């Protein structure tokens, strides 16, 4: 009789399957917000204050996750630190001292948005929470708490990011065709930056503590709850 258990669970495959299910259940482009933005009359869609509010919510959420990535646990080996560094550089180390934060601000400024906060006013999560609406406060707070606890929420957000970015760009491009050519969007789509981040996130998790003999195991049920919480917060 064989001593191999063919039904033994595979944590790596199970996790990736769970991420695909989460993407299917919480796909951002299905949210009615994007259809509503695309169907707005131009006089409303081009309102500088409305565009500024959209910018503030989006930039605040992205700022929260970009800052939280620096506190990710487990990625301590030289190889994993190098993989994490590549993501840092994609976000904050672009040529000529540029960053995704600055690119996004320019993209919205170029379509006439009044930006409620200057770039450097995006600081600590406590400061940011005093400047945004309650729903955005919830996301900022969840990102700050969950990213430092496990890799799951990071993986979940990275899985959803490409779909969210494309949905936003396509909705606003109905009114501002030039927006899709802004470096923030064009570079991400051309070089598949968000898709690569999702692959890196899932790859880092697969090579993280669950795949390392003798390393402390994560509480799988807690991490699954964290992942679902990250998905719900994006809605």
C-alpha atoms as a PDB file:
ATOM      1  CA  UNK A   1       0.000   0.000   0.000  1.00  0.00           C
ATOM      2  CA  UNK A   2       1.322   3.439  -0.887  1.00  0.00           C
ATOM      3  CA  UNK A   3       2.381   5.636   2.014  1.00  0.00           C
ATOM      4  CA  UNK A   4       1.693   8.811   0.017  1.00  0.00           C
ATOM      5  CA  UNK A   5      -1.407  10.807   0.857  1.00  0.00           C
ATOM      6  CA  UNK A   6      -2.647  11.980  -2.508  1.00  0.00           C
ATOM      7  CA  UNK A   7      -5.266  14.164  -0.826  1.00  0.00           C
ATOM      8  CA  UNK A   8      -2.740  16.083   1.216  1.00  0.00           C
ATOM      9  CA  UNK A   9      -3.527  19.806   0.909  1.00  0.00           C
ATOM     10  CA  UNK A  10      -1.102  22.040  -0.945  1.00  0.00           C
ATOM     11  CA  UNK A  11      -0.994  25.422   0.901  1.00  0.00           C
ATOM     12  CA  UNK A  12       0.553  27.237  -2.072  1.00  0.00           C
ATOM     13  CA  UNK A  13      -2.029  26.042  -4.604  1.00  0.00           C
ATOM     14  CA  UNK A  14      -4.861  26.559  -2.119  1.00  0.00           C
ATOM     15  CA  UNK A  15      -3.744  30.126  -1.456  1.00  0.00           C
ATOM     16  CA  UNK A  16      -3.467  31.017  -5.136  1.00  0.00           C
ATOM     17  CA  UNK A  17      -6.859  29.457  -5.768  1.00  0.00           C
ATOM     18  CA  UNK A  18      -8.296  31.553  -2.949  1.00  0.00           C
ATOM     19  CA  UNK A  19      -6.795  34.691  -4.496  1.00  0.00           C
ATOM     20  CA  UNK A  20      -8.430  33.928  -7.854  1.00  0.00           C
ATOM     21  CA  UNK A  21     -11.777  33.362  -6.136  1.00  0.00           C
ATOM     22  CA  UNK A  22     -11.386  36.676  -4.303  1.00  0.00           C
ATOM     23  CA  UNK A  23     -10.631  38.471  -7.579  1.00  0.00           C
ATOM     24  CA  UNK A  24     -13.708  36.937  -9.171  1.00  0.00           C
ATOM     25  CA  UNK A  25     -15.955  37.819  -6.223  1.00  0.00           C
ATOM     26  CA  UNK A  26     -14.657  41.362  -5.702  1.00  0.00           C
ATOM     27  CA  UNK A  27     -13.600  42.419  -9.208  1.00  0.00           C
ATOM     28  CA  UNK A  28     -13.556  46.239  -8.975  1.00  0.00           C
ATOM     29  CA  UNK A  29     -14.598  46.874 -12.585  1.00  0.00           C
ATOM     30  CA  UNK A  30     -18.034  45.419 -11.804  1.00  0.00           C
ATOM     31  CA  UNK A  31     -18.739  48.196  -9.307  1.00  0.00           C
ATOM     32  CA  UNK A  32     -21.393  50.673 -10.571  1.00  0.00           C
ATOM     33  CA  UNK A  33     -19.145  53.646  -9.751  1.00  0.00           C
ATOM     34  CA  UNK A  34     -17.183  53.272 -12.981  1.00  0.00           C
ATOM     35  CA  UNK A  35     -20.273  53.051 -15.195  1.00  0.00           C
ATOM     36  CA  UNK A  36     -21.725  56.113 -13.483  1.00  0.00           C
ATOM     37  CA  UNK A  37     -18.558  58.143 -13.996  1.00  0.00           C
ATOM     38  CA  UNK A  38     -18.435  57.185 -17.674  1.00  0.00           C
ATOM     39  CA  UNK A  39     -22.074  58.206 -18.193  1.00  0.00           C
ATOM     40  CA  UNK A  40     -21.849  61.611 -16.475  1.00  0.00           C
ATOM     41  CA  UNK A  41     -22.449  64.739 -18.553  1.00  0.00           C
ATOM     42  CA  UNK A  42     -19.124  66.375 -19.322  1.00  0.00           C
ATOM     43  CA  UNK A  43     -19.974  69.530 -17.361  1.00  0.00           C
ATOM     44  CA  UNK A  44     -20.267  67.371 -14.216  1.00  0.00           C
ATOM     45  CA  UNK A  45     -17.406  64.982 -14.981  1.00  0.00           C
ATOM     46  CA  UNK A  46     -15.065  67.925 -15.560  1.00  0.00           C
ATOM     47  CA  UNK A  47     -15.929  69.691 -12.308  1.00  0.00           C
ATOM     48  CA  UNK A  48     -12.577  70.412 -10.673  1.00  0.00           C
ATOM     49  CA  UNK A  49     -13.862  69.681  -7.171  1.00  0.00           C
ATOM     50  CA  UNK A  50     -15.439  66.342  -8.135  1.00  0.00           C
ATOM     51  CA  UNK A  51     -12.217  65.289  -9.837  1.00  0.00           C
ATOM     52  CA  UNK A  52     -10.329  66.408  -6.745  1.00  0.00           C
ATOM     53  CA  UNK A  53     -12.492  64.247  -4.493  1.00  0.00           C
ATOM     54  CA  UNK A  54     -11.972  61.208  -6.734  1.00  0.00           C
ATOM     55  CA  UNK A  55      -8.243  61.910  -6.657  1.00  0.00           C
ATOM     56  CA  UNK A  56      -8.159  62.276  -2.879  1.00  0.00           C
ATOM     57  CA  UNK A  57      -9.922  58.970  -2.223  1.00  0.00           C
ATOM     58  CA  UNK A  58      -7.809  57.088  -4.762  1.00  0.00           C
ATOM     59  CA  UNK A  59      -4.490  58.641  -3.780  1.00  0.00           C
ATOM     60  CA  UNK A  60      -5.224  58.143  -0.075  1.00  0.00           C
ATOM     61  CA  UNK A  61      -5.918  54.445  -0.607  1.00  0.00           C
ATOM     62  CA  UNK A  62      -2.826  54.001  -2.752  1.00  0.00           C
ATOM     63  CA  UNK A  63      -0.681  55.975  -0.306  1.00  0.00           C
ATOM     64  CA  UNK A  64      -1.878  53.772   2.551  1.00  0.00           C
ATOM     65  CA  UNK A  65      -0.901  50.566   0.763  1.00  0.00           C
ATOM     66  CA  UNK A  66       2.412  51.941  -0.572  1.00  0.00           C
ATOM     67  CA  UNK A  67       3.411  52.991   2.942  1.00  0.00           C
ATOM     68  CA  UNK A  68       2.175  49.736   4.494  1.00  0.00           C
ATOM     69  CA  UNK A  69       4.262  47.617   2.097  1.00  0.00           C
ATOM     70  CA  UNK A  70       7.370  48.766   3.979  1.00  0.00           C
ATOM     71  CA  UNK A  71       6.095  46.903   7.070  1.00  0.00           C
ATOM     72  CA  UNK A  72       5.346  43.545   5.446  1.00  0.00           C
ATOM     73  CA  UNK A  73       6.379  40.618   7.665  1.00  0.00           C
ATOM     74  CA  UNK A  74       8.333  37.452   6.815  1.00  0.00           C
ATOM     75  CA  UNK A  75      10.201  38.732   3.740  1.00  0.00           C
ATOM     76  CA  UNK A  76      13.557  38.707   5.507  1.00  0.00           C
ATOM     77  CA  UNK A  77      15.808  36.425   3.461  1.00  0.00           C
ATOM     78  CA  UNK A  78      18.158  38.114   0.942  1.00  0.00           C
ATOM     79  CA  UNK A  79      16.191  36.801  -2.050  1.00  0.00           C
ATOM     80  CA  UNK A  80      12.830  37.927  -0.682  1.00  0.00           C
ATOM     81  CA  UNK A  81      14.207  41.324   0.327  1.00  0.00           C
ATOM     82  CA  UNK A  82      15.377  41.822  -3.270  1.00  0.00           C
ATOM     83  CA  UNK A  83      11.918  40.958  -4.587  1.00  0.00           C
ATOM     84  CA  UNK A  84      10.319  43.391  -2.154  1.00  0.00           C
ATOM     85  CA  UNK A  85      12.827  46.082  -3.133  1.00  0.00           C
ATOM     86  CA  UNK A  86      11.793  45.809  -6.793  1.00  0.00           C
ATOM     87  CA  UNK A  87       8.242  46.706  -5.779  1.00  0.00           C
ATOM     88  CA  UNK A  88       9.490  49.626  -3.680  1.00  0.00           C
ATOM     89  CA  UNK A  89      11.415  50.892  -6.693  1.00  0.00           C
ATOM     90  CA  UNK A  90       8.405  50.571  -8.998  1.00  0.00           C
ATOM     91  CA  UNK A  91       6.398  52.726  -6.593  1.00  0.00           C
ATOM     92  CA  UNK A  92       8.886  55.220  -5.188  1.00  0.00           C
ATOM     93  CA  UNK A  93      12.124  54.951  -7.172  1.00  0.00           C
ATOM     94  CA  UNK A  94      11.243  55.959 -10.717  1.00  0.00           C
ATOM     95  CA  UNK A  95      13.773  57.825 -12.904  1.00  0.00           C
ATOM     96  CA  UNK A  96      14.370  61.532 -12.241  1.00  0.00           C
ATOM     97  CA  UNK A  97      13.167  61.245  -8.621  1.00  0.00           C
ATOM     98  CA  UNK A  98       9.644  60.462  -9.792  1.00  0.00           C
ATOM     99  CA  UNK A  99       7.125  58.133  -8.124  1.00  0.00           C
ATOM    100  CA  UNK A 100       3.676  56.695  -8.710  1.00  0.00           C
ATOM    101  CA  UNK A 101       2.342  59.191  -6.170  1.00  0.00           C
ATOM    102  CA  UNK A 102       3.675  62.170  -8.138  1.00  0.00           C
ATOM    103  CA  UNK A 103       2.571  60.653 -11.464  1.00  0.00           C
ATOM    104  CA  UNK A 104      -0.995  60.211 -10.240  1.00  0.00           C
ATOM    105  CA  UNK A 105      -1.113  63.787  -8.931  1.00  0.00           C
ATOM    106  CA  UNK A 106       0.077  65.120 -12.302  1.00  0.00           C
ATOM    107  CA  UNK A 107      -2.434  62.981 -14.194  1.00  0.00           C
ATOM    108  CA  UNK A 108      -5.359  64.459 -12.268  1.00  0.00           C
ATOM    109  CA  UNK A 109      -3.928  67.971 -12.317  1.00  0.00           C
ATOM    110  CA  UNK A 110      -3.635  67.728 -16.112  1.00  0.00           C
ATOM    111  CA  UNK A 111      -7.372  67.046 -16.476  1.00  0.00           C
ATOM    112  CA  UNK A 112      -8.264  70.044 -14.329  1.00  0.00           C
ATOM    113  CA  UNK A 113      -8.680  68.536 -10.874  1.00  0.00           C
ATOM    114  CA  UNK A 114      -8.358  70.724  -7.814  1.00  0.00           C
ATOM    115  CA  UNK A 115      -6.173  68.619  -5.536  1.00  0.00           C
ATOM    116  CA  UNK A 116      -7.334  68.999  -1.912  1.00  0.00           C
ATOM    117  CA  UNK A 117      -3.964  67.883  -0.496  1.00  0.00           C
ATOM    118  CA  UNK A 118      -0.443  68.686  -1.636  1.00  0.00           C
ATOM    119  CA  UNK A 119       1.838  65.710  -2.266  1.00  0.00           C
ATOM    120  CA  UNK A 120       3.752  65.975   0.997  1.00  0.00           C
ATOM    121  CA  UNK A 121       0.553  66.303   3.026  1.00  0.00           C
ATOM    122  CA  UNK A 122       0.081  62.580   2.537  1.00  0.00           C
ATOM    123  CA  UNK A 123       1.934  61.501   5.661  1.00  0.00           C
ATOM    124  CA  UNK A 124       1.209  59.101   8.491  1.00  0.00           C
ATOM    125  CA  UNK A 125      -1.996  57.116   8.428  1.00  0.00           C
ATOM    126  CA  UNK A 126      -3.242  59.015  11.515  1.00  0.00           C
ATOM    127  CA  UNK A 127      -2.749  62.367   9.773  1.00  0.00           C
ATOM    128  CA  UNK A 128      -4.359  61.124   6.583  1.00  0.00           C
ATOM    129  CA  UNK A 129      -7.405  59.799   8.434  1.00  0.00           C
ATOM    130  CA  UNK A 130      -8.155  63.345   9.602  1.00  0.00           C
ATOM    131  CA  UNK A 131      -8.356  64.556   5.999  1.00  0.00           C
ATOM    132  CA  UNK A 132     -10.555  61.975   4.264  1.00  0.00           C
ATOM    133  CA  UNK A 133     -14.115  60.627   4.496  1.00  0.00           C
ATOM    134  CA  UNK A 134     -15.081  57.786   6.822  1.00  0.00           C
ATOM    135  CA  UNK A 135     -15.110  55.041   4.179  1.00  0.00           C
ATOM    136  CA  UNK A 136     -11.596  55.982   3.114  1.00  0.00           C
ATOM    137  CA  UNK A 137     -10.551  56.169   6.771  1.00  0.00           C
ATOM    138  CA  UNK A 138     -11.699  52.555   7.113  1.00  0.00           C
ATOM    139  CA  UNK A 139      -9.549  51.421   4.186  1.00  0.00           C
ATOM    140  CA  UNK A 140      -6.502  53.383   5.347  1.00  0.00           C
ATOM    141  CA  UNK A 141      -6.846  51.921   8.836  1.00  0.00           C
ATOM    142  CA  UNK A 142      -7.372  48.360   7.578  1.00  0.00           C
ATOM    143  CA  UNK A 143      -4.332  48.565   5.297  1.00  0.00           C
ATOM    144  CA  UNK A 144      -2.132  49.883   8.092  1.00  0.00           C
ATOM    145  CA  UNK A 145      -3.215  47.135  10.495  1.00  0.00           C
ATOM    146  CA  UNK A 146      -3.409  44.125   8.209  1.00  0.00           C
ATOM    147  CA  UNK A 147      -0.310  44.580   6.043  1.00  0.00           C
ATOM    148  CA  UNK A 148       1.923  44.264   9.095  1.00  0.00           C
ATOM    149  CA  UNK A 149       0.198  41.046  10.257  1.00  0.00           C
ATOM    150  CA  UNK A 150       0.380  38.786   7.213  1.00  0.00           C
ATOM    151  CA  UNK A 151       1.124  38.719   3.494  1.00  0.00           C
ATOM    152  CA  UNK A 152      -2.469  37.835   2.594  1.00  0.00           C
ATOM    153  CA  UNK A 153      -3.963  41.361   2.445  1.00  0.00           C
ATOM    154  CA  UNK A 154      -1.035  42.588   0.330  1.00  0.00           C
ATOM    155  CA  UNK A 155      -1.583  39.717  -2.103  1.00  0.00           C
ATOM    156  CA  UNK A 156      -5.324  40.437  -2.205  1.00  0.00           C
ATOM    157  CA  UNK A 157      -4.893  44.137  -3.001  1.00  0.00           C
ATOM    158  CA  UNK A 158      -2.250  43.448  -5.651  1.00  0.00           C
ATOM    159  CA  UNK A 159      -4.570  40.932  -7.319  1.00  0.00           C
ATOM    160  CA  UNK A 160      -7.291  43.589  -7.588  1.00  0.00           C
ATOM    161  CA  UNK A 161      -5.128  46.592  -8.512  1.00  0.00           C
ATOM    162  CA  UNK A 162      -4.774  46.107 -12.274  1.00  0.00           C
ATOM    163  CA  UNK A 163      -8.538  45.686 -12.747  1.00  0.00           C
ATOM    164  CA  UNK A 164      -9.256  48.755 -10.602  1.00  0.00           C
ATOM    165  CA  UNK A 165      -6.719  50.950 -12.437  1.00  0.00           C
ATOM    166  CA  UNK A 166      -7.988  49.968 -15.869  1.00  0.00           C
ATOM    167  CA  UNK A 167     -11.614  50.508 -14.865  1.00  0.00           C
ATOM    168  CA  UNK A 168     -10.842  53.994 -13.534  1.00  0.00           C
ATOM    169  CA  UNK A 169      -8.748  54.962 -16.564  1.00  0.00           C
ATOM    170  CA  UNK A 170     -11.411  53.767 -18.999  1.00  0.00           C
ATOM    171  CA  UNK A 171     -14.224  55.540 -17.136  1.00  0.00           C
ATOM    172  CA  UNK A 172     -12.403  58.880 -16.994  1.00  0.00           C
ATOM    173  CA  UNK A 173     -11.046  58.531 -20.545  1.00  0.00           C
ATOM    174  CA  UNK A 174     -14.606  58.786 -21.863  1.00  0.00           C
ATOM    175  CA  UNK A 175     -14.347  62.454 -20.865  1.00  0.00           C
ATOM    176  CA  UNK A 176     -10.561  62.920 -21.004  1.00  0.00           C
ATOM    177  CA  UNK A 177      -9.110  60.758 -23.810  1.00  0.00           C
ATOM    178  CA  UNK A 178      -5.587  61.984 -23.061  1.00  0.00           C
ATOM    179  CA  UNK A 179      -5.658  60.515 -19.552  1.00  0.00           C
ATOM    180  CA  UNK A 180      -4.830  57.002 -20.721  1.00  0.00           C
ATOM    181  CA  UNK A 181      -1.531  58.363 -22.086  1.00  0.00           C
ATOM    182  CA  UNK A 182      -0.439  59.782 -18.738  1.00  0.00           C
ATOM    183  CA  UNK A 183       2.686  57.919 -17.504  1.00  0.00           C
ATOM    184  CA  UNK A 184       0.864  56.719 -14.390  1.00  0.00           C
ATOM    185  CA  UNK A 185      -1.546  54.679 -16.499  1.00  0.00           C
ATOM    186  CA  UNK A 186       0.389  54.135 -19.725  1.00  0.00           C
ATOM    187  CA  UNK A 187       3.540  52.789 -18.045  1.00  0.00           C
ATOM    188  CA  UNK A 188       1.562  50.498 -15.744  1.00  0.00           C
ATOM    189  CA  UNK A 189      -0.486  49.061 -18.609  1.00  0.00           C
ATOM    190  CA  UNK A 190       2.395  48.824 -21.103  1.00  0.00           C
ATOM    191  CA  UNK A 191       4.775  47.114 -18.687  1.00  0.00           C
ATOM    192  CA  UNK A 192       2.067  45.215 -16.760  1.00  0.00           C
ATOM    193  CA  UNK A 193       3.421  46.616 -13.508  1.00  0.00           C
ATOM    194  CA  UNK A 194       0.381  45.790 -11.375  1.00  0.00           C
ATOM    195  CA  UNK A 195       0.126  42.275 -12.815  1.00  0.00           C
ATOM    196  CA  UNK A 196       3.814  41.762 -12.056  1.00  0.00           C
ATOM    197  CA  UNK A 197       3.285  42.997  -8.515  1.00  0.00           C
ATOM    198  CA  UNK A 198       0.466  40.478  -8.112  1.00  0.00           C
ATOM    199  CA  UNK A 199       2.752  37.705  -9.353  1.00  0.00           C
ATOM    200  CA  UNK A 200       5.529  38.869  -7.014  1.00  0.00           C
ATOM    201  CA  UNK A 201       3.140  39.054  -4.056  1.00  0.00           C
ATOM    202  CA  UNK A 202       1.840  35.548  -4.644  1.00  0.00           C
ATOM    203  CA  UNK A 203       5.361  34.277  -5.305  1.00  0.00           C
ATOM    204  CA  UNK A 204       6.662  35.829  -2.089  1.00  0.00           C
ATOM    205  CA  UNK A 205       3.829  34.251  -0.131  1.00  0.00           C
ATOM    206  CA  UNK A 206       4.524  30.862  -1.696  1.00  0.00           C
ATOM    207  CA  UNK A 207       8.172  31.173  -0.621  1.00  0.00           C
ATOM    208  CA  UNK A 208       7.364  32.704   2.739  1.00  0.00           C
ATOM    209  CA  UNK A 209       6.857  31.023   6.123  1.00  0.00           C
ATOM    210  CA  UNK A 210       4.425  28.399   4.868  1.00  0.00           C
ATOM    211  CA  UNK A 211       7.093  27.111   2.475  1.00  0.00           C
ATOM    212  CA  UNK A 212      10.041  27.373   4.846  1.00  0.00           C
ATOM    213  CA  UNK A 213      10.785  24.316   7.044  1.00  0.00           C
ATOM    214  CA  UNK A 214      10.802  25.233  10.710  1.00  0.00           C
ATOM    215  CA  UNK A 215       9.332  28.691  10.137  1.00  0.00           C
ATOM    216  CA  UNK A 216       6.289  29.751  12.178  1.00  0.00           C
ATOM    217  CA  UNK A 217       3.063  29.008  10.370  1.00  0.00           C
ATOM    218  CA  UNK A 218       0.466  31.661   9.867  1.00  0.00           C
ATOM    219  CA  UNK A 219      -3.014  31.181  11.256  1.00  0.00           C
ATOM    220  CA  UNK A 220      -4.689  30.223   7.958  1.00  0.00           C
ATOM    221  CA  UNK A 221      -8.220  31.034   9.098  1.00  0.00           C
ATOM    222  CA  UNK A 222      -7.142  34.442  10.378  1.00  0.00           C
ATOM    223  CA  UNK A 223      -5.265  35.207   7.169  1.00  0.00           C
ATOM    224  CA  UNK A 224      -8.266  34.213   5.057  1.00  0.00           C
ATOM    225  CA  UNK A 225     -10.376  36.620   7.103  1.00  0.00           C
ATOM    226  CA  UNK A 226      -7.741  39.303   6.541  1.00  0.00           C
ATOM    227  CA  UNK A 227      -7.833  38.688   2.782  1.00  0.00           C
ATOM    228  CA  UNK A 228     -11.627  38.929   2.678  1.00  0.00           C
ATOM    229  CA  UNK A 229     -11.474  42.105   4.745  1.00  0.00           C
ATOM    230  CA  UNK A 230      -9.037  43.656   2.284  1.00  0.00           C
ATOM    231  CA  UNK A 231     -11.322  42.736  -0.616  1.00  0.00           C
ATOM    232  CA  UNK A 232     -14.419  44.175   1.066  1.00  0.00           C
ATOM    233  CA  UNK A 233     -12.578  47.389   1.938  1.00  0.00           C
ATOM    234  CA  UNK A 234     -11.778  47.996  -1.725  1.00  0.00           C
ATOM    235  CA  UNK A 235     -15.495  48.019  -2.470  1.00  0.00           C
END
